[in-house]
Protein backbone atom coordinates (compact mmCIF):
# COMPACT_ATOMS: atom_id res chain seq x y z
CA UNK A 1 0.00 0.00 0.00
CA UNK A 2 1.26 3.37 -0.94
CA UNK A 3 0.85 6.59 1.02
CA UNK A 4 0.08 9.60 -1.08
CA UNK A 5 2.35 12.35 0.10
CA UNK A 6 1.14 14.90 -2.40
CA UNK A 7 -1.99 16.30 -0.76
CA UNK A 8 -2.51 18.81 -3.54
CA UNK A 9 -2.95 16.17 -6.19
CA UNK A 10 -6.49 15.38 -4.99
CA UNK A 11 -7.46 19.04 -5.03
CA UNK A 12 -5.96 19.59 -8.45
CA UNK A 13 -8.05 16.80 -9.91
CA UNK A 14 -11.10 19.03 -9.60
CA UNK A 15 -11.40 21.41 -12.41
CA UNK A 16 -12.51 24.98 -11.93
CA UNK A 17 -16.08 24.33 -13.07
CA UNK A 18 -16.68 21.64 -10.50
CA UNK A 19 -15.18 23.77 -7.74
CA UNK A 20 -17.51 26.64 -8.58
CA UNK A 21 -20.47 24.28 -8.70
CA UNK A 22 -19.61 22.85 -5.27
CA UNK A 23 -19.24 26.37 -3.86
CA UNK A 24 -22.61 27.32 -5.35
CA UNK A 25 -24.33 24.26 -3.87
CA UNK A 26 -22.81 24.88 -0.43
CA UNK A 27 -23.80 28.55 -0.58
CA UNK A 28 -27.31 27.58 -1.62
CA UNK A 29 -27.54 25.06 1.22
CA UNK A 30 -26.46 27.67 3.76
CA UNK A 31 -29.05 30.12 2.43
CA UNK A 32 -31.78 27.48 2.63
CA UNK A 33 -30.81 26.69 6.22
CA UNK A 34 -30.94 30.38 7.17
CA UNK A 35 -34.29 30.76 5.42
CA UNK A 36 -35.73 27.76 7.26
CA UNK A 37 -34.54 29.19 10.57
CA UNK A 38 -36.09 32.57 9.71
CA UNK A 39 -39.40 30.95 8.71
CA UNK A 40 -39.41 29.00 11.96
CA UNK A 41 -38.97 32.22 13.96
CA UNK A 42 -41.70 33.94 11.93
CA UNK A 43 -44.05 31.02 12.60
CA UNK A 44 -43.38 31.22 16.35
CA UNK A 45 -44.09 34.97 16.35
CA UNK A 46 -47.24 34.46 14.28
CA UNK A 47 -48.57 31.96 16.80
CA UNK A 48 -48.01 34.53 19.56
CA UNK A 49 -49.90 37.16 17.55
CA UNK A 50 -52.85 34.87 16.93
CA UNK A 51 -54.55 35.95 20.16
CA UNK A 52 -54.71 39.55 18.92
CA UNK A 53 -56.90 38.68 15.93
CA UNK A 54 -60.52 37.59 15.84
CA UNK A 55 -61.55 34.33 14.26
CA UNK A 56 -64.51 34.17 11.87
CA UNK A 57 -67.08 33.37 14.58
CA UNK A 58 -65.95 36.23 16.82
CA UNK A 59 -65.91 38.61 13.87
CA UNK A 60 -69.45 37.58 12.88
CA UNK A 61 -70.68 38.07 16.46
CA UNK A 62 -69.12 41.53 16.64
CA UNK A 63 -70.58 42.52 13.27
CA UNK A 64 -74.01 41.32 14.37
CA UNK A 65 -73.74 43.37 17.57
CA UNK A 66 -72.72 46.47 15.61
CA UNK A 67 -75.52 45.97 13.09
CA UNK A 68 -78.05 45.50 15.91
CA UNK A 69 -76.83 48.66 17.66
CA UNK A 70 -76.94 50.60 14.37
CA UNK A 71 -80.50 49.45 13.70
CA UNK A 72 -81.57 50.51 17.22
CA UNK A 73 -79.97 53.93 16.82
CA UNK A 74 -81.64 54.45 13.44
CA UNK A 75 -85.00 53.44 14.88
CA UNK A 76 -84.48 55.72 17.88
CA UNK A 77 -83.64 58.67 15.63
CA UNK A 78 -86.66 57.94 13.42
CA UNK A 79 -89.09 57.73 16.34
CA UNK A 80 -87.61 60.79 18.04
CA UNK A 81 -88.11 62.85 14.88
CA UNK A 82 -91.56 61.34 14.41
CA UNK A 83 -92.57 62.25 17.98
CA UNK A 84 -91.24 65.79 17.60
CA UNK A 85 -93.30 66.23 14.44
CA UNK A 86 -96.40 64.96 16.24
CA UNK A 87 -95.83 67.30 19.19
CA UNK A 88 -95.36 70.18 16.78
CA UNK A 89 -98.55 69.30 14.91
CA UNK A 90 -100.56 68.95 18.11
CA UNK A 91 -99.33 72.17 19.64
CA UNK A 92 -96.88 70.95 22.24
CA UNK A 93 -96.61 74.38 23.89
CA UNK A 94 -100.26 74.18 24.88
CA UNK A 95 -99.89 70.60 26.09
CA UNK A 96 -96.83 71.18 28.25
CA UNK A 97 -96.98 74.78 29.37
CA UNK A 98 -100.69 75.46 29.30
CA UNK A 99 -100.39 77.78 26.34
CA UNK A 100 -98.01 80.17 28.05
CA UNK A 101 -94.63 81.41 26.97
CA UNK A 102 -91.78 79.00 27.65
CA UNK A 103 -89.28 81.77 28.39
CA UNK A 104 -91.26 83.13 31.35
């Protein structure tokens, strides 16, 4: 058995193209590893943020509550205006102040 004393002979057997390809593949592998680590960190942060957002059921319940409140406010405004018109038509000054002047 022979011992190879020329350590550079193995390296020289690679041509320049293959060396560049190996460098590219190693670089690419490192980038993929960094990207996977970054995505893992993003996923962990996203799970923490999940509690700040509403799911579909909660969003629907909140929209229903807002719509119900809006409908009540619209009805209240309508009936308030309607009652004011009726008081005006029926002579509300006479009904409330006995026909006198309000400012007195």
